[in-house]
Amino acid sequence: MNIFVSGLSFKASNDDLKHIFSVYGEVSSAKVITERGSRRSRGYGFVEMLNDGEANAAIAALNGTEHMGRTLNVAEAHERVERSY
């Protein structure tokens, strides 16, 4: 399951994100999204967990909690929709 995490501290790293979710199960990937030029965090990221039960437990436990002074918003990620302009 792919999990969307917003409200991340701008100092949070991929390893920080992986660490907070690994308490609930195996994390296959964790990525903090950064700006292209400056490489500065955009304050959100994605976590991939293979086991849906563990992913749902992590979402329930972590949504609304504080991490590095910021409140996390955690939910199942939706498929990206391609936009046509």
PDB file of N, CA and C in Angstrom:
ATOM      1  N   MET A   1       0.848  -1.177   0.000  1.00  0.00           N
ATOM      2  CA  MET A   1       0.000   0.000   0.000  1.00  0.00           C
ATOM      3  C   MET A   1       0.892   1.238   0.000  1.00  0.00           C
ATOM      4  N   ASN A   2       0.477   2.227  -0.778  1.00  0.00           N
ATOM      5  CA  ASN A   2       1.194   3.485  -0.845  1.00  0.00           C
ATOM      6  C   ASN A   2       0.507   4.468   0.095  1.00  0.00           C
ATOM      7  N   ILE A   3       1.283   5.110   0.961  1.00  0.00           N
ATOM      8  CA  ILE A   3       0.764   5.997   1.996  1.00  0.00           C
ATOM      9  C   ILE A   3       1.283   7.408   1.759  1.00  0.00           C
ATOM     10  N   PHE A   4       0.373   8.390   1.812  1.00  0.00           N
ATOM     11  CA  PHE A   4       0.718   9.798   1.667  1.00  0.00           C
ATOM     12  C   PHE A   4       0.862  10.395   3.063  1.00  0.00           C
ATOM     13  N   VAL A   5       1.956  11.123   3.280  1.00  0.00           N
ATOM     14  CA  VAL A   5       2.226  11.753   4.571  1.00  0.00           C
ATOM     15  C   VAL A   5       2.490  13.233   4.345  1.00  0.00           C
ATOM     16  N   SER A   6       1.668  14.097   4.940  1.00  0.00           N
ATOM     17  CA  SER A   6       1.913  15.536   4.846  1.00  0.00           C
ATOM     18  C   SER A   6       2.099  16.094   6.249  1.00  0.00           C
ATOM     19  N   GLY A   7       2.539  17.333   6.302  1.00  0.00           N
ATOM     20  CA  GLY A   7       2.828  17.957   7.589  1.00  0.00           C
ATOM     21  C   GLY A   7       4.199  17.613   8.115  1.00  0.00           C
ATOM     22  N   LEU A   8       5.067  17.102   7.245  1.00  0.00           N
ATOM     23  CA  LEU A   8       6.424  16.749   7.671  1.00  0.00           C
ATOM     24  C   LEU A   8       7.240  18.004   7.951  1.00  0.00           C
ATOM     25  N   SER A   9       8.124  17.888   8.903  1.00  0.00           N
ATOM     26  CA  SER A   9       9.095  18.946   9.148  1.00  0.00           C
ATOM     27  C   SER A   9       9.971  19.085   7.910  1.00  0.00           C
ATOM     28  N   PHE A  10      10.382  20.306   7.604  1.00  0.00           N
ATOM     29  CA  PHE A  10      11.257  20.515   6.461  1.00  0.00           C
ATOM     30  C   PHE A  10      12.647  19.925   6.704  1.00  0.00           C
ATOM     31  N   LYS A  11      12.922  19.496   7.934  1.00  0.00           N
ATOM     32  CA  LYS A  11      14.197  18.856   8.261  1.00  0.00           C
ATOM     33  C   LYS A  11      14.109  17.334   8.216  1.00  0.00           C
ATOM     34  N   ALA A  12      12.919  16.785   8.021  1.00  0.00           N
ATOM     35  CA  ALA A  12      12.732  15.326   8.007  1.00  0.00           C
ATOM     36  C   ALA A  12      13.416  14.719   6.779  1.00  0.00           C
ATOM     37  N   SER A  13      14.029  13.565   6.981  1.00  0.00           N
ATOM     38  CA  SER A  13      14.730  12.866   5.901  1.00  0.00           C
ATOM     39  C   SER A  13      13.977  11.592   5.527  1.00  0.00           C
ATOM     40  N   ASN A  14      14.411  10.950   4.463  1.00  0.00           N
ATOM     41  CA  ASN A  14      13.846   9.660   4.070  1.00  0.00           C
ATOM     42  C   ASN A  14      13.986   8.654   5.214  1.00  0.00           C
ATOM     43  N   ASP A  15      15.128   8.656   5.877  1.00  0.00           N
ATOM     44  CA  ASP A  15      15.372   7.732   6.983  1.00  0.00           C
ATOM     45  C   ASP A  15      14.435   8.010   8.162  1.00  0.00           C
ATOM     46  N   ASP A  16      14.171   9.297   8.453  1.00  0.00           N
ATOM     47  CA  ASP A  16      13.222   9.640   9.522  1.00  0.00           C
ATOM     48  C   ASP A  16      11.846   9.069   9.211  1.00  0.00           C
ATOM     49  N   LEU A  17      11.407   9.246   7.972  1.00  0.00           N
ATOM     50  CA  LEU A  17      10.098   8.768   7.544  1.00  0.00           C
ATOM     51  C   LEU A  17      10.030   7.243   7.641  1.00  0.00           C
ATOM     52  N   LYS A  18      11.062   6.566   7.173  1.00  0.00           N
ATOM     53  CA  LYS A  18      11.100   5.105   7.238  1.00  0.00           C
ATOM     54  C   LYS A  18      11.071   4.631   8.688  1.00  0.00           C
ATOM     55  N   HIS A  19      11.809   5.314   9.543  1.00  0.00           N
ATOM     56  CA  HIS A  19      11.895   4.916  10.950  1.00  0.00           C
ATOM     57  C   HIS A  19      10.536   4.979  11.653  1.00  0.00           C
ATOM     58  N   ILE A  20       9.771   6.053  11.456  1.00  0.00           N
ATOM     59  CA  ILE A  20       8.501   6.167  12.186  1.00  0.00           C
ATOM     60  C   ILE A  20       7.475   5.141  11.701  1.00  0.00           C
ATOM     61  N   PHE A  21       7.558   4.723  10.437  1.00  0.00           N
ATOM     62  CA  PHE A  21       6.615   3.723   9.932  1.00  0.00           C
ATOM     63  C   PHE A  21       7.074   2.298  10.204  1.00  0.00           C
ATOM     64  N   SER A  22       8.367   2.067  10.328  1.00  0.00           N
ATOM     65  CA  SER A  22       8.877   0.702  10.522  1.00  0.00           C
ATOM     66  C   SER A  22       8.449   0.097  11.857  1.00  0.00           C
ATOM     67  N   VAL A  23       8.014   0.921  12.786  1.00  0.00           N
ATOM     68  CA  VAL A  23       7.494   0.417  14.059  1.00  0.00           C
ATOM     69  C   VAL A  23       6.263  -0.457  13.808  1.00  0.00           C
ATOM     70  N   TYR A  24       5.530  -0.198  12.724  1.00  0.00           N
ATOM     71  CA  TYR A  24       4.267  -0.882  12.440  1.00  0.00           C
ATOM     72  C   TYR A  24       4.404  -2.005  11.431  1.00  0.00           C
ATOM     73  N   GLY A  25       5.569  -2.152  10.816  1.00  0.00           N
ATOM     74  CA  GLY A  25       5.769  -3.234   9.865  1.00  0.00           C
ATOM     75  C   GLY A  25       6.889  -2.911   8.894  1.00  0.00           C
ATOM     76  N   GLU A  26       7.026  -3.773   7.885  1.00  0.00           N
ATOM     77  CA  GLU A  26       8.109  -3.630   6.911  1.00  0.00           C
ATOM     78  C   GLU A  26       7.819  -2.503   5.925  1.00  0.00           C
ATOM     79  N   VAL A  27       8.755  -1.593   5.810  1.00  0.00           N
ATOM     80  CA  VAL A  27       8.655  -0.473   4.881  1.00  0.00           C
ATOM     81  C   VAL A  27       9.528  -0.792   3.680  1.00  0.00           C
ATOM     82  N   SER A  28       8.920  -0.827   2.489  1.00  0.00           N
ATOM     83  CA  SER A  28       9.719  -1.123   1.298  1.00  0.00           C
ATOM     84  C   SER A  28      10.362   0.139   0.730  1.00  0.00           C
ATOM     85  N   SER A  29       9.733   1.312   0.941  1.00  0.00           N
ATOM     86  CA  SER A  29      10.362   2.564   0.532  1.00  0.00           C
ATOM     87  C   SER A  29       9.738   3.727   1.292  1.00  0.00           C
ATOM     88  N   ALA A  30      10.540   4.771   1.469  1.00  0.00           N
ATOM     89  CA  ALA A  30      10.089   6.002   2.116  1.00  0.00           C
ATOM     90  C   ALA A  30      10.792   7.159   1.419  1.00  0.00           C
ATOM     91  N   LYS A  31      10.021   8.123   0.926  1.00  0.00           N
ATOM     92  CA  LYS A  31      10.598   9.218   0.143  1.00  0.00           C
ATOM     93  C   LYS A  31       9.961  10.539   0.540  1.00  0.00           C
ATOM     94  N   VAL A  32      10.812  11.459   1.002  1.00  0.00           N
ATOM     95  CA  VAL A  32      10.390  12.836   1.247  1.00  0.00           C
ATOM     96  C   VAL A  32      10.533  13.572  -0.078  1.00  0.00           C
ATOM     97  N   ILE A  33       9.488  14.259  -0.499  1.00  0.00           N
ATOM     98  CA  ILE A  33       9.503  14.973  -1.776  1.00  0.00           C
ATOM     99  C   ILE A  33      10.227  16.309  -1.590  1.00  0.00           C
ATOM    100  N   THR A  34      11.149  16.593  -2.516  1.00  0.00           N
ATOM    101  CA  THR A  34      11.962  17.808  -2.418  1.00  0.00           C
ATOM    102  C   THR A  34      11.790  18.668  -3.666  1.00  0.00           C
ATOM    103  N   GLU A  35      12.115  19.953  -3.505  1.00  0.00           N
ATOM    104  CA  GLU A  35      12.109  20.867  -4.640  1.00  0.00           C
ATOM    105  C   GLU A  35      13.280  20.521  -5.551  1.00  0.00           C
ATOM    106  N   ARG A  36      13.095  20.647  -6.830  1.00  0.00           N
ATOM    107  CA  ARG A  36      14.133  20.254  -7.797  1.00  0.00           C
ATOM    108  C   ARG A  36      15.429  21.028  -7.640  1.00  0.00           C
ATOM    109  N   GLY A  37      15.369  22.327  -7.648  1.00  0.00           N
ATOM    110  CA  GLY A  37      16.584  23.141  -7.630  1.00  0.00           C
ATOM    111  C   GLY A  37      17.294  23.150  -6.290  1.00  0.00           C
ATOM    112  N   SER A  38      16.546  23.422  -5.229  1.00  0.00           N
ATOM    113  CA  SER A  38      17.176  23.608  -3.917  1.00  0.00           C
ATOM    114  C   SER A  38      17.305  22.311  -3.119  1.00  0.00           C
ATOM    115  N   ARG A  39      16.589  21.267  -3.533  1.00  0.00           N
ATOM    116  CA  ARG A  39      16.565  19.979  -2.809  1.00  0.00           C
ATOM    117  C   ARG A  39      15.958  20.116  -1.418  1.00  0.00           C
ATOM    118  N   ARG A  40      15.271  21.231  -1.150  1.00  0.00           N
ATOM    119  CA  ARG A  40      14.610  21.472   0.137  1.00  0.00           C
ATOM    120  C   ARG A  40      13.313  20.672   0.185  1.00  0.00           C
ATOM    121  N   SER A  41      13.004  20.118   1.341  1.00  0.00           N
ATOM    122  CA  SER A  41      11.785  19.340   1.522  1.00  0.00           C
ATOM    123  C   SER A  41      10.560  20.196   1.223  1.00  0.00           C
ATOM    124  N   ARG A  42       9.557  19.570   0.624  1.00  0.00           N
ATOM    125  CA  ARG A  42       8.290  20.253   0.360  1.00  0.00           C
ATOM    126  C   ARG A  42       7.277  19.975   1.476  1.00  0.00           C
ATOM    127  N   GLY A  43       7.670  19.209   2.492  1.00  0.00           N
ATOM    128  CA  GLY A  43       6.806  18.977   3.643  1.00  0.00           C
ATOM    129  C   GLY A  43       5.865  17.798   3.510  1.00  0.00           C
ATOM    130  N   TYR A  44       6.082  16.975   2.490  1.00  0.00           N
ATOM    131  CA  TYR A  44       5.269  15.768   2.353  1.00  0.00           C
ATOM    132  C   TYR A  44       6.089  14.649   1.722  1.00  0.00           C
ATOM    133  N   GLY A  45       5.544  13.442   1.801  1.00  0.00           N
ATOM    134  CA  GLY A  45       6.258  12.308   1.243  1.00  0.00           C
ATOM    135  C   GLY A  45       5.364  11.104   1.086  1.00  0.00           C
ATOM    136  N   PHE A  46       5.958   9.999   0.687  1.00  0.00           N
ATOM    137  CA  PHE A  46       5.234   8.755   0.457  1.00  0.00           C
ATOM    138  C   PHE A  46       5.982   7.601   1.105  1.00  0.00           C
ATOM    139  N   VAL A  47       5.209   6.676   1.648  1.00  0.00           N
ATOM    140  CA  VAL A  47       5.766   5.462   2.251  1.00  0.00           C
ATOM    141  C   VAL A  47       5.063   4.280   1.604  1.00  0.00           C
ATOM    142  N   GLU A  48       5.829   3.280   1.216  1.00  0.00           N
ATOM    143  CA  GLU A  48       5.274   2.065   0.631  1.00  0.00           C
ATOM    144  C   GLU A  48       5.467   0.924   1.630  1.00  0.00           C
ATOM    145  N   MET A  49       4.348   0.267   1.981  1.00  0.00           N
ATOM    146  CA  MET A  49       4.385  -0.896   2.862  1.00  0.00           C
ATOM    147  C   MET A  49       3.725  -2.055   2.120  1.00  0.00           C
ATOM    148  N   LEU A  50       4.332  -3.242   2.180  1.00  0.00           N
ATOM    149  CA  LEU A  50       3.841  -4.388   1.433  1.00  0.00           C
ATOM    150  C   LEU A  50       2.587  -5.001   2.045  1.00  0.00           C
ATOM    151  N   ASN A  51       2.477  -4.965   3.357  1.00  0.00           N
ATOM    152  CA  ASN A  51       1.355  -5.583   4.047  1.00  0.00           C
ATOM    153  C   ASN A  51       0.282  -4.530   4.331  1.00  0.00           C
ATOM    154  N   ASP A  52      -0.905  -4.713   3.738  1.00  0.00           N
ATOM    155  CA  ASP A  52      -1.981  -3.728   3.903  1.00  0.00           C
ATOM    156  C   ASP A  52      -2.441  -3.606   5.349  1.00  0.00           C
ATOM    157  N   GLY A  53      -2.443  -4.698   6.087  1.00  0.00           N
ATOM    158  CA  GLY A  53      -2.837  -4.651   7.500  1.00  0.00           C
ATOM    159  C   GLY A  53      -1.883  -3.786   8.313  1.00  0.00           C
ATOM    160  N   GLU A  54      -0.592  -3.967   8.071  1.00  0.00           N
ATOM    161  CA  GLU A  54       0.413  -3.147   8.763  1.00  0.00           C
ATOM    162  C   GLU A  54       0.303  -1.694   8.331  1.00  0.00           C
ATOM    163  N   ALA A  55       0.043  -1.456   7.052  1.00  0.00           N
ATOM    164  CA  ALA A  55      -0.098  -0.095   6.539  1.00  0.00           C
ATOM    165  C   ALA A  55      -1.299   0.597   7.176  1.00  0.00           C
ATOM    166  N   ASN A  56      -2.424  -0.104   7.255  1.00  0.00           N
ATOM    167  CA  ASN A  56      -3.615   0.479   7.882  1.00  0.00           C
ATOM    168  C   ASN A  56      -3.399   0.764   9.357  1.00  0.00           C
ATOM    169  N   ALA A  57      -2.661  -0.103  10.040  1.00  0.00           N
ATOM    170  CA  ALA A  57      -2.341   0.121  11.455  1.00  0.00           C
ATOM    171  C   ALA A  57      -1.462   1.366  11.606  1.00  0.00           C
ATOM    172  N   ALA A  58      -0.498   1.545  10.709  1.00  0.00           N
ATOM    173  CA  ALA A  58       0.376   2.715  10.751  1.00  0.00           C
ATOM    174  C   ALA A  58      -0.423   3.991  10.495  1.00  0.00           C
ATOM    175  N   ILE A  59      -1.326   3.962   9.515  1.00  0.00           N
ATOM    176  CA  ILE A  59      -2.159   5.127   9.215  1.00  0.00           C
ATOM    177  C   ILE A  59      -2.989   5.507  10.433  1.00  0.00           C
ATOM    178  N   ALA A  60      -3.652   4.513  11.027  1.00  0.00           N
ATOM    179  CA  ALA A  60      -4.507   4.776  12.193  1.00  0.00           C
ATOM    180  C   ALA A  60      -3.702   5.315  13.371  1.00  0.00           C
ATOM    181  N   ALA A  61      -2.510   4.782  13.578  1.00  0.00           N
ATOM    182  CA  ALA A  61      -1.708   5.180  14.735  1.00  0.00           C
ATOM    183  C   ALA A  61      -1.014   6.524  14.537  1.00  0.00           C
ATOM    184  N   LEU A  62      -0.593   6.835  13.319  1.00  0.00           N
ATOM    185  CA  LEU A  62       0.236   8.017  13.101  1.00  0.00           C
ATOM    186  C   LEU A  62      -0.524   9.267  12.661  1.00  0.00           C
ATOM    187  N   ASN A  63      -1.709   9.107  12.091  1.00  0.00           N
ATOM    188  CA  ASN A  63      -2.468  10.279  11.641  1.00  0.00           C
ATOM    189  C   ASN A  63      -2.816  11.164  12.838  1.00  0.00           C
ATOM    190  N   GLY A  64      -2.435  12.432  12.754  1.00  0.00           N
ATOM    191  CA  GLY A  64      -2.713  13.386  13.818  1.00  0.00           C
ATOM    192  C   GLY A  64      -1.673  13.443  14.920  1.00  0.00           C
ATOM    193  N   THR A  65      -0.620  12.628  14.813  1.00  0.00           N
ATOM    194  CA  THR A  65       0.429  12.654  15.831  1.00  0.00           C
ATOM    195  C   THR A  65       1.468  13.714  15.487  1.00  0.00           C
ATOM    196  N   GLU A  66       2.283  14.048  16.471  1.00  0.00           N
ATOM    197  CA  GLU A  66       3.316  15.060  16.271  1.00  0.00           C
ATOM    198  C   GLU A  66       4.654  14.390  15.996  1.00  0.00           C
ATOM    199  N   HIS A  67       5.387  14.955  15.029  1.00  0.00           N
ATOM    200  CA  HIS A  67       6.732  14.482  14.713  1.00  0.00           C
ATOM    201  C   HIS A  67       7.586  15.698  14.383  1.00  0.00           C
ATOM    202  N   MET A  68       8.661  15.881  15.099  1.00  0.00           N
ATOM    203  CA  MET A  68       9.588  16.995  14.897  1.00  0.00           C
ATOM    204  C   MET A  68       8.851  18.341  14.957  1.00  0.00           C
ATOM    205  N   GLY A  69       7.888  18.433  15.876  1.00  0.00           N
ATOM    206  CA  GLY A  69       7.178  19.687  16.097  1.00  0.00           C
ATOM    207  C   GLY A  69       6.043  19.980  15.136  1.00  0.00           C
ATOM    208  N   ARG A  70       5.688  19.044  14.264  1.00  0.00           N
ATOM    209  CA  ARG A  70       4.604  19.246  13.291  1.00  0.00           C
ATOM    210  C   ARG A  70       3.600  18.107  13.393  1.00  0.00           C
ATOM    211  N   THR A  71       2.344  18.400  13.105  1.00  0.00           N
ATOM    212  CA  THR A  71       1.294  17.386  13.139  1.00  0.00           C
ATOM    213  C   THR A  71       1.211  16.686  11.794  1.00  0.00           C
ATOM    214  N   LEU A  72       1.323  15.355  11.826  1.00  0.00           N
ATOM    215  CA  LEU A  72       1.293  14.556  10.603  1.00  0.00           C
ATOM    216  C   LEU A  72      -0.137  14.293  10.147  1.00  0.00           C
ATOM    217  N   ASN A  73      -0.340  14.336   8.838  1.00  0.00           N
ATOM    218  CA  ASN A  73      -1.578  13.891   8.202  1.00  0.00           C
ATOM    219  C   ASN A  73      -1.195  12.673   7.378  1.00  0.00           C
ATOM    220  N   VAL A  74      -1.793  11.529   7.711  1.00  0.00           N
ATOM    221  CA  VAL A  74      -1.400  10.268   7.093  1.00  0.00           C
ATOM    222  C   VAL A  74      -2.644   9.600   6.516  1.00  0.00           C
ATOM    223  N   ALA A  75      -2.580   9.221   5.237  1.00  0.00           N
ATOM    224  CA  ALA A  75      -3.716   8.578   4.568  1.00  0.00           C
ATOM    225  C   ALA A  75      -3.207   7.714   3.425  1.00  0.00           C
ATOM    226  N   GLU A  76      -4.066   6.806   2.975  1.00  0.00           N
ATOM    227  CA  GLU A  76      -3.714   6.005   1.807  1.00  0.00           C
ATOM    228  C   GLU A  76      -3.604   6.937   0.606  1.00  0.00           C
ATOM    229  N   ALA A  77      -2.543   6.768  -0.160  1.00  0.00           N
ATOM    230  CA  ALA A  77      -2.333   7.608  -1.349  1.00  0.00           C
ATOM    231  C   ALA A  77      -3.263   7.146  -2.458  1.00  0.00           C
ATOM    232  N   HIS A  78      -3.748   8.098  -3.226  1.00  0.00           N
ATOM    233  CA  HIS A  78      -4.595   7.798  -4.372  1.00  0.00           C
ATOM    234  C   HIS A  78      -3.730   7.786  -5.636  1.00  0.00           C
ATOM    235  N   GLU A  79      -4.182   7.056  -6.631  1.00  0.00           N
ATOM    236  CA  GLU A  79      -3.447   7.026  -7.896  1.00  0.00           C
ATOM    237  C   GLU A  79      -3.377   8.427  -8.487  1.00  0.00           C
ATOM    238  N   ARG A  80      -2.247   8.740  -9.045  1.00  0.00           N
ATOM    239  CA  ARG A  80      -2.053  10.052  -9.664  1.00  0.00           C
ATOM    240  C   ARG A  80      -2.841  10.120 -10.970  1.00  0.00           C
ATOM    241  N   VAL A  81      -3.584  11.181 -11.122  1.00  0.00           N
ATOM    242  CA  VAL A  81      -4.388  11.378 -12.328  1.00  0.00           C
ATOM    243  C   VAL A  81      -3.648  12.325 -13.260  1.00  0.00           C
ATOM    244  N   GLU A  82      -3.435  11.892 -14.473  1.00  0.00           N
ATOM    245  CA  GLU A  82      -2.770  12.744 -15.470  1.00  0.00           C
ATOM    246  C   GLU A  82      -3.737  13.833 -15.903  1.00  0.00           C
ATOM    247  N   ARG A  83      -3.238  15.050 -15.908  1.00  0.00           N
ATOM    248  CA  ARG A  83      -4.066  16.194 -16.310  1.00  0.00           C
ATOM    249  C   ARG A  83      -3.758  16.572 -17.754  1.00  0.00           C
ATOM    250  N   SER A  84      -4.779  16.926 -18.494  1.00  0.00           N
ATOM    251  CA  SER A  84      -4.572  17.448 -19.844  1.00  0.00           C
ATOM    252  C   SER A  84      -4.986  18.909 -19.839  1.00  0.00           C
ATOM    253  N   TYR A  85      -4.140  19.736 -20.378  1.00  0.00           N
ATOM    254  CA  TYR A  85      -4.406  21.174 -20.368  1.00  0.00           C
ATOM    255  C   TYR A  85      -4.834  21.651 -21.713  1.00  0.00           C
TER     256      TYR A  85
END
